[in-house]
């Protein structure tokens, strides 16, 4: 089981997850995620045709996170970062298929 610590910025998180799944191509892979992790799990599931279990996934983080623009603190790593509108656009480019 792999539980990666995701970067705070969406493009970096997607790149890390994409590379991680690609590095294990041909292996039996399943995905699990909740909230924003659920969003990423659904995206990876659609991209790589993998099974996924999600709990209360964020399906439109580009709308949800508008209220969090500005300086933030990652609750797990205590890393400070600045969420900007272009980050919301990064989420939008990975919009989930319906």
N, C-alpha and C. Protein backbone atom coordinates (compact mmCIF):
# COMPACT_ATOMS: atom_id res chain seq x y z
N UNK A 1 0.85 -1.16 0.00
CA UNK A 1 0.00 0.00 0.00
C UNK A 1 0.90 1.23 0.00
N UNK A 2 0.59 2.16 -0.87
CA UNK A 2 1.32 3.42 -0.95
C UNK A 2 0.40 4.55 -0.51
N UNK A 3 0.90 5.41 0.35
CA UNK A 3 0.13 6.56 0.84
C UNK A 3 1.02 7.79 0.67
N UNK A 4 1.04 8.36 -0.52
CA UNK A 4 1.95 9.49 -0.76
C UNK A 4 1.47 10.77 -0.07
N UNK A 5 2.41 11.55 0.42
CA UNK A 5 2.10 12.88 0.94
C UNK A 5 2.05 13.80 -0.28
N UNK A 6 0.88 14.31 -0.57
CA UNK A 6 0.70 15.09 -1.78
C UNK A 6 1.17 16.53 -1.61
N UNK A 7 1.77 17.08 -2.66
CA UNK A 7 2.12 18.51 -2.62
C UNK A 7 0.85 19.36 -2.49
N UNK A 8 1.02 20.57 -2.03
CA UNK A 8 -0.11 21.46 -1.81
C UNK A 8 -0.72 21.99 -3.10
N UNK A 9 0.06 22.01 -4.16
CA UNK A 9 -0.42 22.59 -5.41
C UNK A 9 -0.91 21.50 -6.36
N UNK A 10 -2.06 21.71 -7.02
CA UNK A 10 -2.70 20.66 -7.81
C UNK A 10 -1.84 20.10 -8.93
N UNK A 11 -1.16 20.93 -9.70
CA UNK A 11 -0.36 20.41 -10.82
C UNK A 11 0.74 19.48 -10.31
N UNK A 12 1.35 19.83 -9.18
CA UNK A 12 2.40 19.00 -8.61
C UNK A 12 1.82 17.69 -8.07
N UNK A 13 0.65 17.77 -7.45
CA UNK A 13 0.00 16.56 -6.91
C UNK A 13 -0.38 15.61 -8.03
N UNK A 14 -0.97 16.14 -9.10
CA UNK A 14 -1.36 15.31 -10.24
C UNK A 14 -0.14 14.67 -10.87
N UNK A 15 0.93 15.43 -11.01
CA UNK A 15 2.16 14.88 -11.62
C UNK A 15 2.71 13.74 -10.76
N UNK A 16 2.76 13.93 -9.46
CA UNK A 16 3.26 12.89 -8.56
C UNK A 16 2.40 11.64 -8.67
N UNK A 17 1.07 11.80 -8.61
CA UNK A 17 0.18 10.65 -8.66
C UNK A 17 0.23 9.95 -10.02
N UNK A 18 0.24 10.73 -11.08
CA UNK A 18 0.34 10.16 -12.44
C UNK A 18 1.61 9.32 -12.56
N UNK A 19 2.73 9.88 -12.13
CA UNK A 19 4.00 9.15 -12.22
C UNK A 19 4.02 7.91 -11.34
N UNK A 20 3.41 8.00 -10.17
CA UNK A 20 3.36 6.86 -9.27
C UNK A 20 2.56 5.71 -9.87
N UNK A 21 1.40 6.03 -10.44
CA UNK A 21 0.58 4.99 -11.07
C UNK A 21 1.29 4.44 -12.31
N UNK A 22 1.87 5.32 -13.11
CA UNK A 22 2.57 4.89 -14.32
C UNK A 22 3.75 3.98 -13.97
N UNK A 23 4.42 4.25 -12.87
CA UNK A 23 5.57 3.43 -12.46
C UNK A 23 5.15 2.02 -12.06
N UNK A 24 3.87 1.84 -11.76
CA UNK A 24 3.37 0.52 -11.35
C UNK A 24 2.46 -0.08 -12.42
N UNK A 25 2.60 0.40 -13.65
CA UNK A 25 1.79 -0.13 -14.75
C UNK A 25 2.02 -1.64 -14.86
N UNK A 26 0.95 -2.35 -15.13
CA UNK A 26 1.04 -3.80 -15.24
C UNK A 26 0.81 -4.52 -13.93
N UNK A 27 0.86 -3.78 -12.82
CA UNK A 27 0.58 -4.38 -11.51
C UNK A 27 -0.90 -4.23 -11.21
N UNK A 28 -1.37 -5.00 -10.27
CA UNK A 28 -2.76 -4.89 -9.85
C UNK A 28 -2.87 -3.67 -8.94
N UNK A 29 -3.61 -2.64 -9.38
CA UNK A 29 -3.70 -1.38 -8.66
C UNK A 29 -5.17 -1.06 -8.39
N UNK A 30 -5.43 -0.61 -7.19
CA UNK A 30 -6.72 -0.05 -6.82
C UNK A 30 -6.47 1.27 -6.13
N UNK A 31 -7.42 2.16 -6.21
CA UNK A 31 -7.27 3.50 -5.64
C UNK A 31 -8.29 3.73 -4.54
N UNK A 32 -7.90 4.53 -3.56
CA UNK A 32 -8.78 4.88 -2.46
C UNK A 32 -8.53 6.34 -2.13
N UNK A 33 -9.60 7.11 -1.98
CA UNK A 33 -9.41 8.51 -1.62
C UNK A 33 -10.67 9.11 -1.04
N UNK A 34 -10.48 10.13 -0.23
CA UNK A 34 -11.62 10.88 0.29
C UNK A 34 -11.36 12.36 0.08
N UNK A 35 -12.42 13.11 -0.01
CA UNK A 35 -12.35 14.55 -0.21
C UNK A 35 -11.52 14.86 -1.45
N UNK A 36 -10.48 15.66 -1.34
CA UNK A 36 -9.67 15.97 -2.51
C UNK A 36 -8.94 14.72 -3.02
N UNK A 37 -8.58 13.82 -2.12
CA UNK A 37 -8.00 12.56 -2.54
C UNK A 37 -8.97 11.74 -3.37
N UNK A 38 -10.25 11.88 -3.09
CA UNK A 38 -11.29 11.22 -3.89
C UNK A 38 -11.34 11.80 -5.29
N UNK A 39 -11.19 13.11 -5.40
CA UNK A 39 -11.15 13.77 -6.71
C UNK A 39 -9.99 13.20 -7.53
N UNK A 40 -8.82 13.15 -6.90
CA UNK A 40 -7.65 12.62 -7.60
C UNK A 40 -7.83 11.14 -7.94
N UNK A 41 -8.42 10.36 -7.04
CA UNK A 41 -8.64 8.93 -7.29
C UNK A 41 -9.59 8.73 -8.48
N UNK A 42 -10.64 9.53 -8.56
CA UNK A 42 -11.56 9.41 -9.70
C UNK A 42 -10.85 9.77 -11.00
N UNK A 43 -10.07 10.84 -10.97
CA UNK A 43 -9.35 11.26 -12.18
C UNK A 43 -8.39 10.16 -12.64
N UNK A 44 -7.62 9.61 -11.70
CA UNK A 44 -6.69 8.53 -12.04
C UNK A 44 -7.43 7.29 -12.52
N UNK A 45 -8.55 7.00 -11.90
CA UNK A 45 -9.36 5.85 -12.29
C UNK A 45 -9.82 5.99 -13.74
N UNK A 46 -10.27 7.18 -14.11
CA UNK A 46 -10.72 7.42 -15.48
C UNK A 46 -9.55 7.39 -16.46
N UNK A 47 -8.44 7.97 -16.07
CA UNK A 47 -7.27 8.05 -16.97
C UNK A 47 -6.64 6.69 -17.21
N UNK A 48 -6.52 5.87 -16.17
CA UNK A 48 -5.82 4.59 -16.27
C UNK A 48 -6.76 3.38 -16.25
N UNK A 49 -8.06 3.61 -16.22
CA UNK A 49 -9.05 2.54 -16.17
C UNK A 49 -8.79 1.61 -14.98
N UNK A 50 -8.74 2.23 -13.79
CA UNK A 50 -8.47 1.50 -12.55
C UNK A 50 -9.69 1.55 -11.64
N UNK A 51 -9.88 0.54 -10.81
CA UNK A 51 -10.97 0.60 -9.83
C UNK A 51 -10.62 1.60 -8.73
N UNK A 52 -11.65 2.28 -8.24
CA UNK A 52 -11.44 3.27 -7.17
C UNK A 52 -12.60 3.23 -6.19
N UNK A 53 -12.27 3.43 -4.94
CA UNK A 53 -13.26 3.61 -3.88
C UNK A 53 -13.05 5.02 -3.35
N UNK A 54 -14.13 5.81 -3.34
CA UNK A 54 -14.02 7.18 -2.87
C UNK A 54 -15.06 7.44 -1.80
N UNK A 55 -14.69 8.28 -0.84
CA UNK A 55 -15.57 8.65 0.24
C UNK A 55 -15.72 10.16 0.21
N UNK A 56 -16.94 10.63 -0.02
CA UNK A 56 -17.23 12.06 -0.05
C UNK A 56 -16.21 12.84 -0.89
N UNK A 57 -16.08 12.47 -2.17
CA UNK A 57 -15.07 13.14 -2.99
C UNK A 57 -15.42 14.59 -3.30
N UNK A 58 -14.41 15.41 -3.39
CA UNK A 58 -14.58 16.79 -3.87
C UNK A 58 -14.69 16.67 -5.39
N UNK A 59 -15.86 16.97 -5.94
CA UNK A 59 -16.04 16.80 -7.38
C UNK A 59 -15.83 18.10 -8.17
N UNK A 60 -15.83 19.23 -7.48
CA UNK A 60 -15.59 20.52 -8.14
C UNK A 60 -14.69 21.39 -7.25
N UNK A 61 -13.45 20.94 -7.00
CA UNK A 61 -12.58 21.72 -6.11
C UNK A 61 -12.29 23.12 -6.62
N UNK A 62 -12.38 23.30 -7.93
CA UNK A 62 -12.15 24.62 -8.51
C UNK A 62 -13.22 25.62 -8.06
N UNK A 63 -14.41 25.15 -7.69
CA UNK A 63 -15.44 26.01 -7.11
C UNK A 63 -15.33 26.03 -5.59
N UNK A 64 -15.13 24.87 -5.01
CA UNK A 64 -15.08 24.71 -3.55
C UNK A 64 -13.98 25.55 -2.91
N UNK A 65 -12.82 25.62 -3.55
CA UNK A 65 -11.66 26.27 -2.93
C UNK A 65 -11.58 27.77 -3.17
N UNK A 66 -12.54 28.36 -3.88
CA UNK A 66 -12.52 29.81 -4.09
C UNK A 66 -12.47 30.55 -2.76
N UNK A 67 -13.16 30.03 -1.77
CA UNK A 67 -13.20 30.68 -0.46
C UNK A 67 -11.88 30.56 0.31
N UNK A 68 -10.95 29.74 -0.20
CA UNK A 68 -9.68 29.54 0.49
C UNK A 68 -8.50 30.20 -0.22
N UNK A 69 -8.76 31.07 -1.17
CA UNK A 69 -7.67 31.77 -1.85
C UNK A 69 -6.87 32.56 -0.84
N UNK A 70 -5.56 32.57 -1.02
CA UNK A 70 -4.68 33.27 -0.08
C UNK A 70 -3.79 32.29 0.66
N UNK A 71 -3.17 32.77 1.71
CA UNK A 71 -2.24 31.94 2.47
C UNK A 71 -2.98 30.85 3.24
N UNK A 72 -2.42 29.64 3.18
CA UNK A 72 -2.98 28.48 3.85
C UNK A 72 -1.86 27.73 4.57
N UNK A 73 -2.26 26.84 5.48
CA UNK A 73 -1.31 25.97 6.16
C UNK A 73 -1.81 24.54 6.00
N UNK A 74 -0.94 23.67 5.47
CA UNK A 74 -1.29 22.27 5.34
C UNK A 74 -1.43 21.70 6.75
N UNK A 75 -2.60 21.13 7.10
CA UNK A 75 -2.81 20.67 8.48
C UNK A 75 -1.94 19.47 8.87
N UNK A 76 -1.38 18.77 7.90
CA UNK A 76 -0.58 17.59 8.19
C UNK A 76 0.91 17.89 8.25
N UNK A 77 1.39 18.69 7.29
CA UNK A 77 2.82 18.97 7.22
C UNK A 77 3.20 20.32 7.82
N UNK A 78 2.20 21.15 8.07
CA UNK A 78 2.38 22.52 8.59
C UNK A 78 3.05 23.45 7.56
N UNK A 79 3.16 22.95 6.32
CA UNK A 79 3.73 23.77 5.25
C UNK A 79 2.80 24.94 4.94
N UNK A 80 3.37 26.12 4.82
CA UNK A 80 2.60 27.31 4.41
C UNK A 80 2.67 27.42 2.90
N UNK A 81 1.54 27.76 2.30
CA UNK A 81 1.50 27.94 0.85
C UNK A 81 0.42 28.97 0.53
N UNK A 82 0.46 29.46 -0.70
CA UNK A 82 -0.51 30.46 -1.13
C UNK A 82 -1.34 29.86 -2.26
N UNK A 83 -2.64 29.73 -2.02
CA UNK A 83 -3.56 29.23 -3.03
C UNK A 83 -4.01 30.41 -3.87
N UNK A 84 -3.76 30.34 -5.17
CA UNK A 84 -4.09 31.42 -6.09
C UNK A 84 -5.10 30.94 -7.13
N UNK A 85 -5.72 31.88 -7.81
CA UNK A 85 -6.77 31.54 -8.77
C UNK A 85 -6.25 30.62 -9.87
N UNK A 86 -4.98 30.75 -10.27
CA UNK A 86 -4.48 29.85 -11.32
C UNK A 86 -4.42 28.40 -10.83
N UNK A 87 -4.32 28.19 -9.53
CA UNK A 87 -4.36 26.83 -9.00
C UNK A 87 -5.76 26.23 -9.19
N UNK A 88 -6.79 27.07 -9.05
CA UNK A 88 -8.15 26.60 -9.27
C UNK A 88 -8.33 26.19 -10.73
N UNK A 89 -7.69 26.93 -11.62
CA UNK A 89 -7.74 26.59 -13.04
C UNK A 89 -7.03 25.26 -13.30
N UNK A 90 -5.97 24.98 -12.53
CA UNK A 90 -5.30 23.67 -12.65
C UNK A 90 -6.28 22.55 -12.34
N UNK A 91 -7.06 22.71 -11.27
CA UNK A 91 -8.06 21.69 -10.95
C UNK A 91 -9.06 21.54 -12.09
N UNK A 92 -9.46 22.66 -12.67
CA UNK A 92 -10.47 22.64 -13.72
C UNK A 92 -9.99 21.86 -14.94
N UNK A 93 -8.70 21.91 -15.25
CA UNK A 93 -8.20 21.18 -16.42
C UNK A 93 -8.26 19.67 -16.22
N UNK A 94 -8.38 19.23 -14.96
CA UNK A 94 -8.51 17.81 -14.66
C UNK A 94 -9.96 17.44 -14.35
N UNK A 95 -10.88 18.23 -14.91
CA UNK A 95 -12.30 18.04 -14.65
C UNK A 95 -12.71 16.58 -14.90
N UNK A 96 -13.51 16.06 -14.01
CA UNK A 96 -13.93 14.68 -14.09
C UNK A 96 -14.98 14.48 -15.17
N UNK A 97 -14.94 13.31 -15.81
CA UNK A 97 -15.95 12.96 -16.80
C UNK A 97 -17.21 12.51 -16.06
N UNK A 98 -18.32 12.73 -16.70
CA UNK A 98 -19.60 12.30 -16.08
C UNK A 98 -20.13 11.07 -16.77
